[in-house]
């Protein structure tokens, strides 16, 4: 479910539906948190940050971007840090 919501959010983002994209990506991130999947959570938070930034929610976007980077660094996932 979390992966499907992530992909749906990404598709909505590409289509320019930033608010709905942020909603789906937030849902996905919530599920990844419960599951404890830090790699997928980091990736989803990066996408959520992008969606929120495009919605003009810069403080929230920065918060999620910083969390995404922190998770990626903690796991030593270099490509994710650069994403």
N, C-alpha and C. Protein backbone atom coordinates (compact mmCIF):
# COMPACT_ATOMS: atom_id res chain seq x y z
N UNK A 1 0.82 -1.19 0.00
CA UNK A 1 0.00 0.00 0.00
C UNK A 1 0.86 1.26 0.00
N UNK A 2 1.91 1.26 0.84
CA UNK A 2 2.78 2.44 0.92
C UNK A 2 3.47 2.71 -0.41
N UNK A 3 3.92 1.65 -1.06
CA UNK A 3 4.59 1.81 -2.36
C UNK A 3 3.62 2.34 -3.41
N UNK A 4 2.39 1.84 -3.40
CA UNK A 4 1.38 2.31 -4.35
C UNK A 4 1.06 3.79 -4.12
N UNK A 5 0.94 4.18 -2.86
CA UNK A 5 0.67 5.58 -2.55
C UNK A 5 1.84 6.47 -2.96
N UNK A 6 3.05 5.96 -2.79
CA UNK A 6 4.23 6.71 -3.21
C UNK A 6 4.19 6.95 -4.71
N UNK A 7 3.92 5.90 -5.47
CA UNK A 7 3.86 6.04 -6.93
C UNK A 7 2.71 6.93 -7.37
N UNK A 8 1.56 6.79 -6.72
CA UNK A 8 0.43 7.65 -7.04
C UNK A 8 0.78 9.11 -6.76
N UNK A 9 1.42 9.36 -5.61
CA UNK A 9 1.83 10.71 -5.28
C UNK A 9 2.80 11.27 -6.30
N UNK A 10 3.75 10.46 -6.73
CA UNK A 10 4.72 10.90 -7.73
C UNK A 10 4.02 11.22 -9.05
N UNK A 11 3.07 10.38 -9.45
CA UNK A 11 2.33 10.62 -10.68
C UNK A 11 1.54 11.92 -10.60
N UNK A 12 0.88 12.14 -9.48
CA UNK A 12 0.13 13.39 -9.29
C UNK A 12 1.05 14.60 -9.32
N UNK A 13 2.22 14.44 -8.75
CA UNK A 13 3.20 15.53 -8.74
C UNK A 13 3.61 15.88 -10.17
N UNK A 14 3.92 14.87 -10.95
CA UNK A 14 4.31 15.09 -12.35
C UNK A 14 3.18 15.75 -13.13
N UNK A 15 1.95 15.38 -12.81
CA UNK A 15 0.79 15.95 -13.50
C UNK A 15 0.46 17.36 -13.04
N UNK A 16 1.13 17.83 -11.98
CA UNK A 16 0.91 19.18 -11.49
C UNK A 16 -0.13 19.31 -10.40
N UNK A 17 -0.61 18.19 -9.90
CA UNK A 17 -1.60 18.20 -8.82
C UNK A 17 -0.86 18.10 -7.49
N UNK A 18 -0.24 19.21 -7.09
CA UNK A 18 0.69 19.21 -5.97
C UNK A 18 0.04 18.92 -4.62
N UNK A 19 -1.16 19.44 -4.40
CA UNK A 19 -1.84 19.21 -3.12
C UNK A 19 -2.19 17.74 -2.93
N UNK A 20 -2.79 17.13 -3.95
CA UNK A 20 -3.14 15.71 -3.85
C UNK A 20 -1.87 14.85 -3.77
N UNK A 21 -0.84 15.26 -4.49
CA UNK A 21 0.43 14.53 -4.43
C UNK A 21 0.97 14.54 -3.00
N UNK A 22 0.97 15.70 -2.38
CA UNK A 22 1.47 15.81 -1.00
C UNK A 22 0.65 14.94 -0.05
N UNK A 23 -0.65 14.90 -0.26
CA UNK A 23 -1.52 14.08 0.60
C UNK A 23 -1.18 12.59 0.48
N UNK A 24 -1.02 12.12 -0.74
CA UNK A 24 -0.71 10.70 -0.96
C UNK A 24 0.69 10.35 -0.45
N UNK A 25 1.63 11.25 -0.66
CA UNK A 25 2.99 11.00 -0.20
C UNK A 25 3.06 11.03 1.32
N UNK A 26 2.29 11.89 1.94
CA UNK A 26 2.23 11.92 3.41
C UNK A 26 1.66 10.61 3.94
N UNK A 27 0.61 10.12 3.30
CA UNK A 27 0.03 8.83 3.68
C UNK A 27 1.06 7.71 3.56
N UNK A 28 1.78 7.71 2.45
CA UNK A 28 2.81 6.70 2.22
C UNK A 28 3.87 6.77 3.31
N UNK A 29 4.33 7.98 3.61
CA UNK A 29 5.37 8.15 4.64
C UNK A 29 4.88 7.64 6.00
N UNK A 30 3.63 7.89 6.31
CA UNK A 30 3.07 7.42 7.58
C UNK A 30 3.12 5.90 7.68
N UNK A 31 2.82 5.24 6.59
CA UNK A 31 2.85 3.77 6.57
C UNK A 31 4.29 3.27 6.70
N UNK A 32 5.22 3.89 5.95
CA UNK A 32 6.61 3.48 6.03
C UNK A 32 7.14 3.64 7.46
N UNK A 33 6.70 4.70 8.15
CA UNK A 33 7.13 4.91 9.55
C UNK A 33 6.68 3.74 10.42
N UNK A 34 5.40 3.38 10.29
CA UNK A 34 4.86 2.28 11.09
C UNK A 34 5.60 0.98 10.79
N UNK A 35 5.92 0.76 9.53
CA UNK A 35 6.62 -0.47 9.13
C UNK A 35 8.10 -0.44 9.49
N UNK A 36 8.62 0.74 9.78
CA UNK A 36 10.03 0.85 10.12
C UNK A 36 10.97 0.75 8.92
N UNK A 37 10.44 1.00 7.73
CA UNK A 37 11.24 0.93 6.51
C UNK A 37 11.89 2.30 6.26
N UNK A 38 13.09 2.49 6.81
CA UNK A 38 13.75 3.79 6.75
C UNK A 38 14.18 4.17 5.35
N UNK A 39 14.58 3.21 4.54
CA UNK A 39 15.01 3.52 3.18
C UNK A 39 13.85 4.08 2.35
N UNK A 40 12.72 3.40 2.40
CA UNK A 40 11.55 3.86 1.65
C UNK A 40 10.99 5.15 2.25
N UNK A 41 11.06 5.28 3.56
CA UNK A 41 10.61 6.51 4.20
C UNK A 41 11.45 7.69 3.72
N UNK A 42 12.75 7.52 3.68
CA UNK A 42 13.64 8.59 3.22
C UNK A 42 13.31 9.01 1.79
N UNK A 43 13.12 8.04 0.92
CA UNK A 43 12.80 8.32 -0.48
C UNK A 43 11.46 9.05 -0.59
N UNK A 44 10.47 8.59 0.16
CA UNK A 44 9.14 9.20 0.12
C UNK A 44 9.18 10.62 0.68
N UNK A 45 9.93 10.82 1.75
CA UNK A 45 10.03 12.16 2.33
C UNK A 45 10.67 13.15 1.36
N UNK A 46 11.62 12.69 0.56
CA UNK A 46 12.23 13.56 -0.45
C UNK A 46 11.18 13.99 -1.47
N UNK A 47 10.35 13.06 -1.89
CA UNK A 47 9.27 13.40 -2.82
C UNK A 47 8.23 14.31 -2.16
N UNK A 48 7.90 14.03 -0.93
CA UNK A 48 6.94 14.86 -0.19
C UNK A 48 7.48 16.28 -0.06
N UNK A 49 8.75 16.41 0.20
CA UNK A 49 9.38 17.72 0.29
C UNK A 49 9.22 18.49 -1.02
N UNK A 50 9.42 17.82 -2.12
CA UNK A 50 9.25 18.45 -3.43
C UNK A 50 7.81 18.93 -3.62
N UNK A 51 6.86 18.07 -3.31
CA UNK A 51 5.44 18.42 -3.47
C UNK A 51 5.07 19.63 -2.60
N UNK A 52 5.51 19.60 -1.36
CA UNK A 52 5.18 20.71 -0.45
C UNK A 52 5.84 22.00 -0.89
N UNK A 53 7.04 21.91 -1.40
CA UNK A 53 7.72 23.09 -1.92
C UNK A 53 6.93 23.71 -3.07
N UNK A 54 6.43 22.87 -3.95
CA UNK A 54 5.64 23.36 -5.07
C UNK A 54 4.27 23.90 -4.66
N UNK A 55 3.84 23.52 -3.46
CA UNK A 55 2.60 24.07 -2.89
C UNK A 55 2.87 25.39 -2.14
N UNK A 56 4.14 25.76 -2.02
CA UNK A 56 4.49 26.96 -1.29
C UNK A 56 4.65 26.75 0.20
N UNK A 57 4.64 25.50 0.64
CA UNK A 57 4.79 25.15 2.06
C UNK A 57 6.27 24.90 2.36
N UNK A 58 7.04 25.98 2.32
CA UNK A 58 8.49 25.85 2.37
C UNK A 58 9.03 25.36 3.72
N UNK A 59 8.42 25.78 4.81
CA UNK A 59 8.89 25.31 6.12
C UNK A 59 8.70 23.81 6.28
N UNK A 60 7.53 23.34 5.89
CA UNK A 60 7.26 21.90 5.95
C UNK A 60 8.16 21.14 4.98
N UNK A 61 8.35 21.69 3.78
CA UNK A 61 9.20 21.05 2.79
C UNK A 61 10.62 20.89 3.32
N UNK A 62 11.13 21.93 3.95
CA UNK A 62 12.48 21.88 4.51
C UNK A 62 12.57 20.84 5.63
N UNK A 63 11.54 20.78 6.46
CA UNK A 63 11.52 19.81 7.56
C UNK A 63 11.63 18.38 7.03
N UNK A 64 10.83 18.06 6.01
CA UNK A 64 10.86 16.71 5.46
C UNK A 64 12.14 16.44 4.67
N UNK A 65 12.68 17.45 4.00
CA UNK A 65 13.94 17.28 3.28
C UNK A 65 15.07 16.97 4.26
N UNK A 66 15.10 17.69 5.36
CA UNK A 66 16.14 17.45 6.37
C UNK A 66 16.01 16.06 6.98
N UNK A 67 14.78 15.63 7.23
CA UNK A 67 14.58 14.28 7.78
C UNK A 67 15.00 13.22 6.78
N UNK A 68 14.69 13.44 5.51
CA UNK A 68 15.07 12.50 4.46
C UNK A 68 16.58 12.35 4.38
N UNK A 69 17.28 13.47 4.40
CA UNK A 69 18.74 13.44 4.33
C UNK A 69 19.32 12.76 5.57
N UNK A 70 18.78 13.09 6.74
CA UNK A 70 19.28 12.48 7.98
C UNK A 70 19.12 10.97 7.96
N UNK A 71 17.99 10.49 7.49
CA UNK A 71 17.78 9.04 7.39
C UNK A 71 18.77 8.41 6.42
N UNK A 72 18.92 9.04 5.26
CA UNK A 72 19.83 8.49 4.24
C UNK A 72 21.27 8.48 4.75
N UNK A 73 21.67 9.54 5.43
CA UNK A 73 23.03 9.59 5.97
C UNK A 73 23.23 8.51 7.04
N UNK A 74 22.23 8.32 7.88
CA UNK A 74 22.32 7.30 8.94
C UNK A 74 22.45 5.90 8.37
N UNK A 75 21.89 5.69 7.20
CA UNK A 75 21.97 4.38 6.56
C UNK A 75 23.14 4.29 5.58
N UNK A 76 23.87 5.41 5.42
CA UNK A 76 25.00 5.50 4.48
C UNK A 76 24.56 5.20 3.05
N UNK A 77 23.40 5.73 2.68
CA UNK A 77 22.87 5.57 1.32
C UNK A 77 23.21 6.86 0.56
N UNK A 78 24.38 6.85 -0.07
CA UNK A 78 24.90 8.08 -0.68
C UNK A 78 24.02 8.59 -1.81
N UNK A 79 23.49 7.71 -2.64
CA UNK A 79 22.67 8.20 -3.75
C UNK A 79 21.43 8.90 -3.24
N UNK A 80 20.86 8.42 -2.13
CA UNK A 80 19.66 9.02 -1.58
C UNK A 80 19.97 10.42 -1.01
N UNK A 81 21.13 10.58 -0.42
CA UNK A 81 21.51 11.88 0.11
C UNK A 81 21.55 12.90 -1.03
N UNK A 82 22.00 12.49 -2.19
CA UNK A 82 22.09 13.42 -3.32
C UNK A 82 20.76 13.63 -4.02
N UNK A 83 19.77 12.76 -3.75
CA UNK A 83 18.47 12.87 -4.40
C UNK A 83 17.77 14.12 -3.93
